[in-house]
Amino acid sequence: MTPFQLTKPIGVFYEHQQWFLPLFNKLNEREIPYVRIDARKHSYDPHSVEDEYSLFFNRMSASAYLRGHGNAIFHTLGYLAHLERLDVPVVNGHRSFMIETSKSLQLSLFERLGLRYPRSIVSNSPKEISKAAHDLRFPVLLKPNIGGRGAGIVRFDSPQALEHAADKALLDFGIDQTALIQEFVPIRGGHIMRIEILGGKFLYAIKVYATEDNFNLCPAEFCQTGDGVAALDEMCLVDAPASGLQVEAFTPQPEMIRTVERVAEAAGIDVGGVECLVDDRDGTLMYYDINALSNFVADATQVIGFDPYERLADYLIRRAK
């Protein structure tokens, strides 16, 4: 018997076929029994007992629809509710996945906790979006409510550009036909900040910079400018070296750490990250994104000084026991 012998395996529910290979490798190295559960092709019986796992680890991605697997997003919400009804121990359960797949819920949570965030309007009508944005300060960003990796985010530099796009039916509100129209915030220092948590507690923090020749900075992702309209590039920390993103570790102020832990607790997130920035106009700290699917930064040992997958494996073992 290994020190990590479990009576039942850990179930890892995932959709992306490469992102979680480091986790699987770590579990294999430590001889931790686990089962890979492919969210792309999954079924369950609501009458079933579902007692085959010592722990269920939800790694479903909100960006799955970019890879043709949007059906798995809504399926996962129902399945997590099913598991929790049966008292199956779940890491990143139904509440956290609801937050992960709704930018509007994220803003509501920030509002409830009294945190500053970019001024935004939520809408389900492309025809009404220009009217809804009337009191916002331009430039603005249009963000699909269900996003992931910056998908579908577009910047508009003027009310006329937004109105033109709406009139021409060029606006994509995403798979739930709901979107945010949000004020663009110039970022102080050329970077955003991401604070990762594990088990609801601070794990590490990084600053993410844009490359000077290719990008302008916006509150959530990095965007290329055009004539009043700009589609944003995808940003994923696991791809940081290949995409040219500069990433460095930093130590947040204790108050920022406490705030992120409060956000994680309120969102029911066991493993994830919260992103924030400093408004270059007045120095205001703003929170803008909650990510319950945490892809640890690439080259973690060099960037942050340790392997977060080691600590994730330790955490899963503790929860499974």
C-alpha atoms as a PDB file:
ATOM      1  CA  MET A   1       0.000   0.000   0.000  1.00  0.00           C
ATOM      2  CA  THR A   2       1.187   3.524  -0.783  1.00  0.00           C
ATOM      3  CA  PRO A   3       0.837   6.346   1.754  1.00  0.00           C
ATOM      4  CA  PHE A   4      -1.974   7.660  -0.435  1.00  0.00           C
ATOM      5  CA  GLN A   5      -4.088   4.504  -0.627  1.00  0.00           C
ATOM      6  CA  LEU A   6      -7.764   5.387  -0.996  1.00  0.00           C
ATOM      7  CA  THR A   7     -10.764   3.098  -0.820  1.00  0.00           C
ATOM      8  CA  LYS A   8     -12.190   4.839  -3.896  1.00  0.00           C
ATOM      9  CA  PRO A   9     -10.442   6.803  -6.674  1.00  0.00           C
ATOM     10  CA  ILE A  10     -10.585  10.547  -7.182  1.00  0.00           C
ATOM     11  CA  GLY A  11     -12.738  11.503 -10.156  1.00  0.00           C
ATOM     12  CA  VAL A  12     -11.286  14.289 -12.327  1.00  0.00           C
ATOM     13  CA  PHE A  13     -13.951  15.792 -14.601  1.00  0.00           C
ATOM     14  CA  TYR A  14     -12.344  17.713 -17.469  1.00  0.00           C
ATOM     15  CA  GLU A  15     -12.870  18.876 -21.053  1.00  0.00           C
ATOM     16  CA  HIS A  16      -9.567  20.259 -22.371  1.00  0.00           C
ATOM     17  CA  GLN A  17      -7.270  17.445 -23.477  1.00  0.00           C
ATOM     18  CA  GLN A  18      -3.896  19.084 -22.717  1.00  0.00           C
ATOM     19  CA  TRP A  19      -4.352  21.539 -19.848  1.00  0.00           C
ATOM     20  CA  PHE A  20      -4.489  18.927 -17.092  1.00  0.00           C
ATOM     21  CA  LEU A  21      -1.722  16.598 -18.180  1.00  0.00           C
ATOM     22  CA  PRO A  22       0.600  18.038 -15.470  1.00  0.00           C
ATOM     23  CA  LEU A  23      -1.996  17.146 -12.829  1.00  0.00           C
ATOM     24  CA  PHE A  24      -2.478  13.659 -14.237  1.00  0.00           C
ATOM     25  CA  ASN A  25       1.304  13.162 -14.345  1.00  0.00           C
ATOM     26  CA  LYS A  26       1.607  14.243 -10.729  1.00  0.00           C
ATOM     27  CA  LEU A  27      -1.142  11.861  -9.614  1.00  0.00           C
ATOM     28  CA  ASN A  28       0.546   9.046 -11.552  1.00  0.00           C
ATOM     29  CA  GLU A  29       3.947   9.796 -10.014  1.00  0.00           C
ATOM     30  CA  ARG A  30       2.487   9.607  -6.528  1.00  0.00           C
ATOM     31  CA  GLU A  31       0.395   6.513  -7.296  1.00  0.00           C
ATOM     32  CA  ILE A  32      -2.806   8.259  -6.325  1.00  0.00           C
ATOM     33  CA  PRO A  33      -5.809   6.347  -7.682  1.00  0.00           C
ATOM     34  CA  TYR A  34      -7.934   8.511  -9.939  1.00  0.00           C
ATOM     35  CA  VAL A  35     -10.293   8.291 -12.896  1.00  0.00           C
ATOM     36  CA  ARG A  36     -10.367  10.664 -15.870  1.00  0.00           C
ATOM     37  CA  ILE A  37     -13.948  11.658 -16.698  1.00  0.00           C
ATOM     38  CA  ASP A  38     -14.366  13.253 -20.125  1.00  0.00           C
ATOM     39  CA  ALA A  39     -16.974  16.024 -19.956  1.00  0.00           C
ATOM     40  CA  ARG A  40     -17.292  16.077 -23.751  1.00  0.00           C
ATOM     41  CA  LYS A  41     -19.138  12.755 -23.783  1.00  0.00           C
ATOM     42  CA  HIS A  42     -20.758  12.112 -20.428  1.00  0.00           C
ATOM     43  CA  SER A  43     -24.059  10.734 -19.187  1.00  0.00           C
ATOM     44  CA  TYR A  44     -25.553  10.143 -15.738  1.00  0.00           C
ATOM     45  CA  ASP A  45     -28.681   8.652 -14.220  1.00  0.00           C
ATOM     46  CA  PRO A  46     -30.488  11.013 -11.805  1.00  0.00           C
ATOM     47  CA  HIS A  47     -31.590   7.899  -9.908  1.00  0.00           C
ATOM     48  CA  SER A  48     -28.020   6.685  -9.405  1.00  0.00           C
ATOM     49  CA  VAL A  49     -26.186   6.741  -6.076  1.00  0.00           C
ATOM     50  CA  GLU A  50     -22.848   7.998  -7.513  1.00  0.00           C
ATOM     51  CA  ASP A  51     -20.660   6.534  -4.761  1.00  0.00           C
ATOM     52  CA  GLU A  52     -17.687   5.375  -6.841  1.00  0.00           C
ATOM     53  CA  TYR A  53     -15.438   8.390  -6.064  1.00  0.00           C
ATOM     54  CA  SER A  54     -13.763   9.435  -2.836  1.00  0.00           C
ATOM     55  CA  LEU A  55     -13.679  12.976  -4.264  1.00  0.00           C
ATOM     56  CA  PHE A  56     -14.976  14.628  -7.437  1.00  0.00           C
ATOM     57  CA  PHE A  57     -12.706  17.356  -8.881  1.00  0.00           C
ATOM     58  CA  ASN A  58     -14.530  19.616 -11.357  1.00  0.00           C
ATOM     59  CA  ARG A  59     -12.143  20.922 -14.027  1.00  0.00           C
ATOM     60  CA  MET A  60     -14.758  21.858 -16.629  1.00  0.00           C
ATOM     61  CA  SER A  61     -13.893  24.935 -18.704  1.00  0.00           C
ATOM     62  CA  ALA A  62     -16.178  27.866 -19.554  1.00  0.00           C
ATOM     63  CA  SER A  63     -14.292  28.235 -22.846  1.00  0.00           C
ATOM     64  CA  ALA A  64     -15.339  24.740 -23.966  1.00  0.00           C
ATOM     65  CA  TYR A  65     -17.704  26.194 -26.554  1.00  0.00           C
ATOM     66  CA  LEU A  66     -14.665  27.553 -28.423  1.00  0.00           C
ATOM     67  CA  ARG A  67     -13.709  23.936 -29.045  1.00  0.00           C
ATOM     68  CA  GLY A  68     -17.215  22.828 -30.023  1.00  0.00           C
ATOM     69  CA  HIS A  69     -18.195  21.529 -26.588  1.00  0.00           C
ATOM     70  CA  GLY A  70     -20.592  24.192 -25.336  1.00  0.00           C
ATOM     71  CA  ASN A  71     -23.166  21.514 -24.538  1.00  0.00           C
ATOM     72  CA  ALA A  72     -20.855  20.259 -21.777  1.00  0.00           C
ATOM     73  CA  ILE A  73     -21.134  23.574 -19.922  1.00  0.00           C
ATOM     74  CA  PHE A  74     -24.852  23.293 -19.250  1.00  0.00           C
ATOM     75  CA  HIS A  75     -24.611  19.529 -18.733  1.00  0.00           C
ATOM     76  CA  THR A  76     -21.988  20.124 -16.028  1.00  0.00           C
ATOM     77  CA  LEU A  77     -24.262  22.476 -14.088  1.00  0.00           C
ATOM     78  CA  GLY A  78     -26.911  19.773 -13.851  1.00  0.00           C
ATOM     79  CA  TYR A  79     -24.420  17.044 -13.003  1.00  0.00           C
ATOM     80  CA  LEU A  80     -22.799  19.042 -10.192  1.00  0.00           C
ATOM     81  CA  ALA A  81     -26.219  19.701  -8.671  1.00  0.00           C
ATOM     82  CA  HIS A  82     -26.906  15.959  -8.897  1.00  0.00           C
ATOM     83  CA  LEU A  83     -23.637  15.082  -7.119  1.00  0.00           C
ATOM     84  CA  GLU A  84     -24.167  17.600  -4.360  1.00  0.00           C
ATOM     85  CA  ARG A  85     -27.709  16.350  -3.772  1.00  0.00           C
ATOM     86  CA  LEU A  86     -26.123  12.960  -3.051  1.00  0.00           C
ATOM     87  CA  ASP A  87     -23.523  14.540  -0.715  1.00  0.00           C
ATOM     88  CA  VAL A  88     -20.631  13.513  -2.962  1.00  0.00           C
ATOM     89  CA  PRO A  89     -17.603  15.607  -1.894  1.00  0.00           C
ATOM     90  CA  VAL A  90     -16.887  17.997  -4.770  1.00  0.00           C
ATOM     91  CA  VAL A  91     -13.968  20.373  -5.365  1.00  0.00           C
ATOM     92  CA  ASN A  92     -15.265  23.455  -7.230  1.00  0.00           C
ATOM     93  CA  GLY A  93     -18.912  22.515  -7.088  1.00  0.00           C
ATOM     94  CA  HIS A  94     -22.158  23.881  -8.489  1.00  0.00           C
ATOM     95  CA  ARG A  95     -21.935  27.365  -6.945  1.00  0.00           C
ATOM     96  CA  SER A  96     -18.367  27.937  -8.132  1.00  0.00           C
ATOM     97  CA  PHE A  97     -19.191  26.751 -11.651  1.00  0.00           C
ATOM     98  CA  MET A  98     -22.197  29.066 -11.770  1.00  0.00           C
ATOM     99  CA  ILE A  99     -19.825  31.946 -10.980  1.00  0.00           C
ATOM    100  CA  GLU A 100     -17.224  30.648 -13.453  1.00  0.00           C
ATOM    101  CA  THR A 101     -19.766  30.680 -16.281  1.00  0.00           C
ATOM    102  CA  SER A 102     -21.383  34.062 -15.602  1.00  0.00           C
ATOM    103  CA  LYS A 103     -19.583  37.394 -15.693  1.00  0.00           C
ATOM    104  CA  SER A 104     -22.793  39.055 -14.519  1.00  0.00           C
ATOM    105  CA  LEU A 105     -22.826  36.890 -11.379  1.00  0.00           C
ATOM    106  CA  GLN A 106     -19.188  37.787 -10.788  1.00  0.00           C
ATOM    107  CA  LEU A 107     -20.026  41.492 -10.832  1.00  0.00           C
ATOM    108  CA  SER A 108     -22.979  40.914  -8.505  1.00  0.00           C
ATOM    109  CA  LEU A 109     -20.643  39.146  -6.088  1.00  0.00           C
ATOM    110  CA  PHE A 110     -18.149  42.032  -6.222  1.00  0.00           C
ATOM    111  CA  GLU A 111     -21.026  44.416  -5.529  1.00  0.00           C
ATOM    112  CA  ARG A 112     -22.225  42.341  -2.564  1.00  0.00           C
ATOM    113  CA  LEU A 113     -18.707  42.327  -1.080  1.00  0.00           C
ATOM    114  CA  GLY A 114     -18.310  46.075  -1.570  1.00  0.00           C
ATOM    115  CA  LEU A 115     -15.442  45.764  -4.065  1.00  0.00           C
ATOM    116  CA  ARG A 116     -14.694  48.175  -6.899  1.00  0.00           C
ATOM    117  CA  TYR A 117     -15.049  46.882 -10.471  1.00  0.00           C
ATOM    118  CA  PRO A 118     -15.297  48.507 -13.921  1.00  0.00           C
ATOM    119  CA  ARG A 119     -18.694  50.115 -14.443  1.00  0.00           C
ATOM    120  CA  SER A 120     -20.865  47.718 -16.453  1.00  0.00           C
ATOM    121  CA  ILE A 121     -24.329  47.109 -17.837  1.00  0.00           C
ATOM    122  CA  VAL A 122     -25.758  43.605 -18.386  1.00  0.00           C
ATOM    123  CA  SER A 123     -28.029  43.146 -21.390  1.00  0.00           C
ATOM    124  CA  ASN A 124     -29.723  40.377 -23.376  1.00  0.00           C
ATOM    125  CA  SER A 125     -30.643  42.596 -26.335  1.00  0.00           C
ATOM    126  CA  PRO A 126     -28.135  43.597 -29.039  1.00  0.00           C
ATOM    127  CA  LYS A 127     -30.672  46.083 -30.372  1.00  0.00           C
ATOM    128  CA  GLU A 128     -30.807  47.868 -27.005  1.00  0.00           C
ATOM    129  CA  ILE A 129     -27.103  47.801 -26.214  1.00  0.00           C
ATOM    130  CA  SER A 130     -26.367  51.311 -27.512  1.00  0.00           C
ATOM    131  CA  LYS A 131     -29.098  52.736 -25.333  1.00  0.00           C
ATOM    132  CA  ALA A 132     -27.889  50.707 -22.345  1.00  0.00           C
ATOM    133  CA  ALA A 133     -24.358  52.095 -22.787  1.00  0.00           C
ATOM    134  CA  HIS A 134     -25.549  55.704 -22.983  1.00  0.00           C
ATOM    135  CA  ASP A 135     -24.151  56.729 -19.590  1.00  0.00           C
ATOM    136  CA  LEU A 136     -20.898  54.764 -19.835  1.00  0.00           C
ATOM    137  CA  ARG A 137     -17.535  56.373 -20.511  1.00  0.00           C
ATOM    138  CA  PHE A 138     -15.981  55.268 -23.820  1.00  0.00           C
ATOM    139  CA  PRO A 139     -14.009  53.250 -24.833  1.00  0.00           C
ATOM    140  CA  VAL A 140     -16.111  50.284 -23.737  1.00  0.00           C
ATOM    141  CA  LEU A 141     -15.775  46.518 -23.964  1.00  0.00           C
ATOM    142  CA  LEU A 142     -18.493  44.113 -25.021  1.00  0.00           C
ATOM    143  CA  LYS A 143     -18.052  40.829 -23.144  1.00  0.00           C
ATOM    144  CA  PRO A 144     -20.167  37.693 -23.596  1.00  0.00           C
ATOM    145  CA  ASN A 145     -21.513  36.588 -20.226  1.00  0.00           C
ATOM    146  CA  ILE A 146     -20.051  33.109 -20.704  1.00  0.00           C
ATOM    147  CA  GLY A 147     -16.496  33.783 -21.758  1.00  0.00           C
ATOM    148  CA  GLY A 148     -13.194  32.077 -21.153  1.00  0.00           C
ATOM    149  CA  ARG A 149      -9.729  33.044 -22.453  1.00  0.00           C
ATOM    150  CA  GLY A 150     -11.005  36.458 -23.573  1.00  0.00           C
ATOM    151  CA  ALA A 151     -13.281  34.925 -26.197  1.00  0.00           C
ATOM    152  CA  GLY A 152     -15.693  37.245 -27.966  1.00  0.00           C
ATOM    153  CA  ILE A 153     -14.586  40.418 -26.199  1.00  0.00           C
ATOM    154  CA  VAL A 154     -14.679  43.481 -28.471  1.00  0.00           C
ATOM    155  CA  ARG A 155     -13.642  47.074 -27.777  1.00  0.00           C
ATOM    156  CA  PHE A 156     -15.604  50.069 -29.086  1.00  0.00           C
ATOM    157  CA  ASP A 157     -13.938  53.473 -28.996  1.00  0.00           C
ATOM    158  CA  SER A 158     -17.083  55.530 -29.609  1.00  0.00           C
ATOM    159  CA  PRO A 159     -20.878  55.336 -29.242  1.00  0.00           C
ATOM    160  CA  GLN A 160     -21.104  55.565 -33.025  1.00  0.00           C
ATOM    161  CA  ALA A 161     -18.949  52.457 -33.491  1.00  0.00           C
ATOM    162  CA  LEU A 162     -21.107  50.507 -31.039  1.00  0.00           C
ATOM    163  CA  GLU A 163     -24.337  51.703 -32.660  1.00  0.00           C
ATOM    164  CA  HIS A 164     -23.049  50.790 -36.104  1.00  0.00           C
ATOM    165  CA  ALA A 165     -22.148  47.260 -34.972  1.00  0.00           C
ATOM    166  CA  ALA A 166     -25.572  46.853 -33.366  1.00  0.00           C
ATOM    167  CA  ASP A 167     -27.388  48.095 -36.475  1.00  0.00           C
ATOM    168  CA  LYS A 168     -25.432  45.686 -38.674  1.00  0.00           C
ATOM    169  CA  ALA A 169     -26.105  42.740 -36.317  1.00  0.00           C
ATOM    170  CA  LEU A 170     -22.372  42.276 -35.722  1.00  0.00           C
ATOM    171  CA  LEU A 171     -22.561  41.806 -31.950  1.00  0.00           C
ATOM    172  CA  ASP A 172     -21.992  38.337 -30.504  1.00  0.00           C
ATOM    173  CA  PHE A 173     -23.660  37.858 -27.107  1.00  0.00           C
ATOM    174  CA  GLY A 174     -22.362  34.310 -26.713  1.00  0.00           C
ATOM    175  CA  ILE A 175     -24.073  31.012 -26.074  1.00  0.00           C
ATOM    176  CA  ASP A 176     -26.495  32.312 -23.433  1.00  0.00           C
ATOM    177  CA  GLN A 177     -27.308  35.472 -25.432  1.00  0.00           C
ATOM    178  CA  THR A 178     -26.303  37.734 -22.536  1.00  0.00           C
ATOM    179  CA  ALA A 179     -23.458  40.223 -22.506  1.00  0.00           C
ATOM    180  CA  LEU A 180     -21.774  42.945 -20.474  1.00  0.00           C
ATOM    181  CA  ILE A 181     -20.996  46.369 -21.850  1.00  0.00           C
ATOM    182  CA  GLN A 182     -18.153  47.574 -19.630  1.00  0.00           C
ATOM    183  CA  GLU A 183     -16.012  50.693 -19.371  1.00  0.00           C
ATOM    184  CA  PHE A 184     -12.448  50.248 -20.558  1.00  0.00           C
ATOM    185  CA  VAL A 185      -9.941  50.920 -17.758  1.00  0.00           C
ATOM    186  CA  PRO A 186      -6.350  52.011 -18.531  1.00  0.00           C
ATOM    187  CA  ILE A 187      -4.014  49.841 -16.474  1.00  0.00           C
ATOM    188  CA  ARG A 188      -1.304  51.304 -14.282  1.00  0.00           C
ATOM    189  CA  GLY A 189       2.106  49.725 -14.714  1.00  0.00           C
ATOM    190  CA  GLY A 190       1.173  47.855 -17.883  1.00  0.00           C
ATOM    191  CA  HIS A 191       0.044  44.720 -16.065  1.00  0.00           C
ATOM    192  CA  ILE A 192      -2.895  42.983 -14.483  1.00  0.00           C
ATOM    193  CA  MET A 193      -2.613  40.967 -11.268  1.00  0.00           C
ATOM    194  CA  ARG A 194      -3.809  37.426 -10.689  1.00  0.00           C
ATOM    195  CA  ILE A 195      -4.038  35.933  -7.202  1.00  0.00           C
ATOM    196  CA  GLU A 196      -4.400  32.160  -7.000  1.00  0.00           C
ATOM    197  CA  ILE A 197      -6.004  30.287  -4.136  1.00  0.00           C
ATOM    198  CA  LEU A 198      -5.979  26.638  -3.103  1.00  0.00           C
ATOM    199  CA  GLY A 199      -8.334  25.291  -0.491  1.00  0.00           C
ATOM    200  CA  GLY A 200      -9.736  28.790  -0.227  1.00  0.00           C
ATOM    201  CA  LYS A 201      -6.356  30.184   0.912  1.00  0.00           C
ATOM    202  CA  PHE A 202      -3.679  32.234  -0.836  1.00  0.00           C
ATOM    203  CA  LEU A 203      -1.312  30.159  -2.997  1.00  0.00           C
ATOM    204  CA  TYR A 204       0.651  32.655  -5.122  1.00  0.00           C
ATOM    205  CA  ALA A 205       0.285  35.897  -7.078  1.00  0.00           C
ATOM    206  CA  ILE A 206       1.603  37.057 -10.435  1.00  0.00           C
ATOM    207  CA  LYS A 207       1.676  40.141 -12.616  1.00  0.00           C
ATOM    208  CA  VAL A 208       0.964  39.624 -16.321  1.00  0.00           C
ATOM    209  CA  TYR A 209       2.315  42.176 -18.835  1.00  0.00           C
ATOM    210  CA  ALA A 210       1.506  42.759 -22.494  1.00  0.00           C
ATOM    211  CA  THR A 211       4.168  42.897 -25.174  1.00  0.00           C
ATOM    212  CA  GLU A 212       4.731  46.511 -26.170  1.00  0.00           C
ATOM    213  CA  ASP A 213       4.650  46.020 -29.941  1.00  0.00           C
ATOM    214  CA  ASN A 214       1.439  44.029 -30.223  1.00  0.00           C
ATOM    215  CA  PHE A 215      -1.006  44.970 -27.544  1.00  0.00           C
ATOM    216  CA  ASN A 216      -2.916  47.670 -25.765  1.00  0.00           C
ATOM    217  CA  LEU A 217      -4.093  46.846 -22.273  1.00  0.00           C
ATOM    218  CA  CYS A 218      -7.683  46.422 -21.179  1.00  0.00           C
ATOM    219  CA  PRO A 219      -9.270  45.354 -17.886  1.00  0.00           C
ATOM    220  CA  ALA A 220      -9.495  41.647 -18.594  1.00  0.00           C
ATOM    221  CA  GLU A 221      -7.387  40.684 -21.554  1.00  0.00           C
ATOM    222  CA  PHE A 222      -5.068  42.262 -24.110  1.00  0.00           C
ATOM    223  CA  CYS A 223      -6.592  43.728 -27.243  1.00  0.00           C
ATOM    224  CA  GLN A 224      -5.420  44.890 -30.650  1.00  0.00           C
ATOM    225  CA  THR A 225      -6.797  48.265 -31.661  1.00  0.00           C
ATOM    226  CA  GLY A 226      -8.585  49.124 -34.884  1.00  0.00           C
ATOM    227  CA  ASP A 227     -10.848  51.852 -36.211  1.00  0.00           C
ATOM    228  CA  GLY A 228     -13.091  52.081 -33.182  1.00  0.00           C
ATOM    229  CA  VAL A 229     -13.590  48.323 -32.967  1.00  0.00           C
ATOM    230  CA  ALA A 230     -11.095  45.726 -31.797  1.00  0.00           C
ATOM    231  CA  ALA A 231     -11.374  42.010 -31.197  1.00  0.00           C
ATOM    232  CA  LEU A 232      -9.340  40.733 -28.276  1.00  0.00           C
ATOM    233  CA  ASP A 233      -6.720  38.028 -28.439  1.00  0.00           C
ATOM    234  CA  GLU A 234      -7.017  35.003 -26.190  1.00  0.00           C
ATOM    235  CA  MET A 235      -4.866  34.976 -23.079  1.00  0.00           C
ATOM    236  CA  CYS A 236      -4.051  31.819 -21.187  1.00  0.00           C
ATOM    237  CA  LEU A 237      -1.343  31.642 -18.541  1.00  0.00           C
ATOM    238  CA  VAL A 238      -0.508  28.060 -19.387  1.00  0.00           C
ATOM    239  CA  ASP A 239       0.540  29.325 -22.852  1.00  0.00           C
ATOM    240  CA  ALA A 240       2.360  32.412 -21.562  1.00  0.00           C
ATOM    241  CA  PRO A 241       5.881  31.695 -22.911  1.00  0.00           C
ATOM    242  CA  ALA A 242       4.634  30.835 -26.400  1.00  0.00           C
ATOM    243  CA  SER A 243       2.344  33.861 -26.559  1.00  0.00           C
ATOM    244  CA  GLY A 244       5.046  36.296 -25.485  1.00  0.00           C
ATOM    245  CA  LEU A 245       3.423  37.316 -22.229  1.00  0.00           C
ATOM    246  CA  GLN A 246       5.765  38.524 -19.514  1.00  0.00           C
ATOM    247  CA  VAL A 247       4.853  37.060 -16.139  1.00  0.00           C
ATOM    248  CA  GLU A 248       6.441  37.725 -12.759  1.00  0.00           C
ATOM    249  CA  ALA A 249       5.652  36.772  -9.186  1.00  0.00           C
ATOM    250  CA  PHE A 250       4.811  39.348  -6.544  1.00  0.00           C
ATOM    251  CA  THR A 251       3.632  39.440  -2.939  1.00  0.00           C
ATOM    252  CA  PRO A 252       0.229  41.124  -2.528  1.00  0.00           C
ATOM    253  CA  GLN A 253      -0.614  43.346   0.390  1.00  0.00           C
ATOM    254  CA  PRO A 254      -2.314  41.422   3.236  1.00  0.00           C
ATOM    255  CA  GLU A 255      -5.594  43.250   2.583  1.00  0.00           C
ATOM    256  CA  MET A 256      -5.602  42.095  -1.050  1.00  0.00           C
ATOM    257  CA  ILE A 257      -5.023  38.504   0.054  1.00  0.00           C
ATOM    258  CA  ARG A 258      -7.872  38.731   2.576  1.00  0.00           C
ATOM    259  CA  THR A 259     -10.146  40.188  -0.107  1.00  0.00           C
ATOM    260  CA  VAL A 260      -9.385  37.410  -2.600  1.00  0.00           C
ATOM    261  CA  GLU A 261     -10.002  34.782   0.067  1.00  0.00           C
ATOM    262  CA  ARG A 262     -13.350  36.444   0.822  1.00  0.00           C
ATOM    263  CA  VAL A 263     -14.222  36.295  -2.885  1.00  0.00           C
ATOM    264  CA  ALA A 264     -13.276  32.606  -3.053  1.00  0.00           C
ATOM    265  CA  GLU A 265     -15.379  31.798   0.004  1.00  0.00           C
ATOM    266  CA  ALA A 266     -18.387  33.710  -1.302  1.00  0.00           C
ATOM    267  CA  ALA A 267     -18.087  32.022  -4.710  1.00  0.00           C
ATOM    268  CA  GLY A 268     -17.562  28.543  -3.267  1.00  0.00           C
ATOM    269  CA  ILE A 269     -14.232  28.230  -5.104  1.00  0.00           C
ATOM    270  CA  ASP A 270     -11.719  25.746  -3.694  1.00  0.00           C
ATOM    271  CA  VAL A 271      -9.139  26.141  -6.484  1.00  0.00           C
ATOM    272  CA  GLY A 272      -9.031  29.201  -8.713  1.00  0.00           C
ATOM    273  CA  GLY A 273      -7.887  32.736  -9.306  1.00  0.00           C
ATOM    274  CA  VAL A 274      -9.105  36.304  -9.003  1.00  0.00           C
ATOM    275  CA  GLU A 275      -7.852  39.054 -11.302  1.00  0.00           C
ATOM    276  CA  CYS A 276      -7.551  42.734 -10.556  1.00  0.00           C
ATOM    277  CA  LEU A 277      -5.869  45.901 -11.816  1.00  0.00           C
ATOM    278  CA  VAL A 278      -5.065  49.456 -10.782  1.00  0.00           C
ATOM    279  CA  ASP A 279      -6.887  52.182 -12.707  1.00  0.00           C
ATOM    280  CA  ASP A 280      -4.154  54.444 -14.072  1.00  0.00           C
ATOM    281  CA  ARG A 281      -6.455  57.480 -13.901  1.00  0.00           C
ATOM    282  CA  ASP A 282      -6.898  57.582 -10.137  1.00  0.00           C
ATOM    283  CA  GLY A 283      -5.065  54.614  -8.588  1.00  0.00           C
ATOM    284  CA  THR A 284      -8.244  52.693  -7.726  1.00  0.00           C
ATOM    285  CA  LEU A 285      -7.845  48.947  -7.264  1.00  0.00           C
ATOM    286  CA  MET A 286     -10.513  47.162  -9.302  1.00  0.00           C
ATOM    287  CA  TYR A 287     -11.488  43.506  -9.416  1.00  0.00           C
ATOM    288  CA  TYR A 288     -12.834  42.255 -12.721  1.00  0.00           C
ATOM    289  CA  ASP A 289     -12.664  38.475 -13.115  1.00  0.00           C
ATOM    290  CA  ILE A 290     -13.143  35.290 -11.091  1.00  0.00           C
ATOM    291  CA  ASN A 291     -11.712  32.093 -12.536  1.00  0.00           C
ATOM    292  CA  ALA A 292     -12.730  28.780 -10.994  1.00  0.00           C
ATOM    293  CA  LEU A 293     -10.748  26.867 -13.615  1.00  0.00           C
ATOM    294  CA  SER A 294      -7.216  27.638 -12.547  1.00  0.00           C
ATOM    295  CA  ASN A 295      -4.552  26.916 -15.142  1.00  0.00           C
ATOM    296  CA  PHE A 296      -1.375  27.368 -13.145  1.00  0.00           C
ATOM    297  CA  VAL A 297       1.208  29.630 -14.700  1.00  0.00           C
ATOM    298  CA  ALA A 298       3.674  28.043 -17.120  1.00  0.00           C
ATOM    299  CA  ASP A 299       7.243  27.486 -15.852  1.00  0.00           C
ATOM    300  CA  ALA A 300       5.860  27.796 -12.335  1.00  0.00           C
ATOM    301  CA  THR A 301       9.049  26.683 -10.575  1.00  0.00           C
ATOM    302  CA  GLN A 302      11.007  29.488 -12.221  1.00  0.00           C
ATOM    303  CA  VAL A 303       8.264  32.105 -11.909  1.00  0.00           C
ATOM    304  CA  ILE A 304       6.925  31.499  -8.399  1.00  0.00           C
ATOM    305  CA  GLY A 305       9.579  29.207  -6.920  1.00  0.00           C
ATOM    306  CA  PHE A 306       7.567  25.993  -6.460  1.00  0.00           C
ATOM    307  CA  ASP A 307       5.411  23.474  -8.291  1.00  0.00           C
ATOM    308  CA  PRO A 308       1.734  24.263  -7.572  1.00  0.00           C
ATOM    309  CA  TYR A 309       0.695  20.821  -8.837  1.00  0.00           C
ATOM    310  CA  GLU A 310       2.519  19.269  -5.872  1.00  0.00           C
ATOM    311  CA  ARG A 311       0.390  21.319  -3.509  1.00  0.00           C
ATOM    312  CA  LEU A 312      -2.744  20.612  -5.523  1.00  0.00           C
ATOM    313  CA  ALA A 313      -2.073  16.874  -5.257  1.00  0.00           C
ATOM    314  CA  ASP A 314      -1.579  17.217  -1.477  1.00  0.00           C
ATOM    315  CA  TYR A 315      -4.866  19.101  -1.226  1.00  0.00           C
ATOM    316  CA  LEU A 316      -6.797  16.498  -3.236  1.00  0.00           C
ATOM    317  CA  ILE A 317      -5.421  13.711  -1.040  1.00  0.00           C
ATOM    318  CA  ARG A 318      -6.480  15.510   2.141  1.00  0.00           C
ATOM    319  CA  ARG A 319      -9.962  16.106   0.760  1.00  0.00           C
ATOM    320  CA  ALA A 320     -10.280  12.542  -0.535  1.00  0.00           C
ATOM    321  CA  LYS A 321      -9.404  11.081   2.862  1.00  0.00           C
END
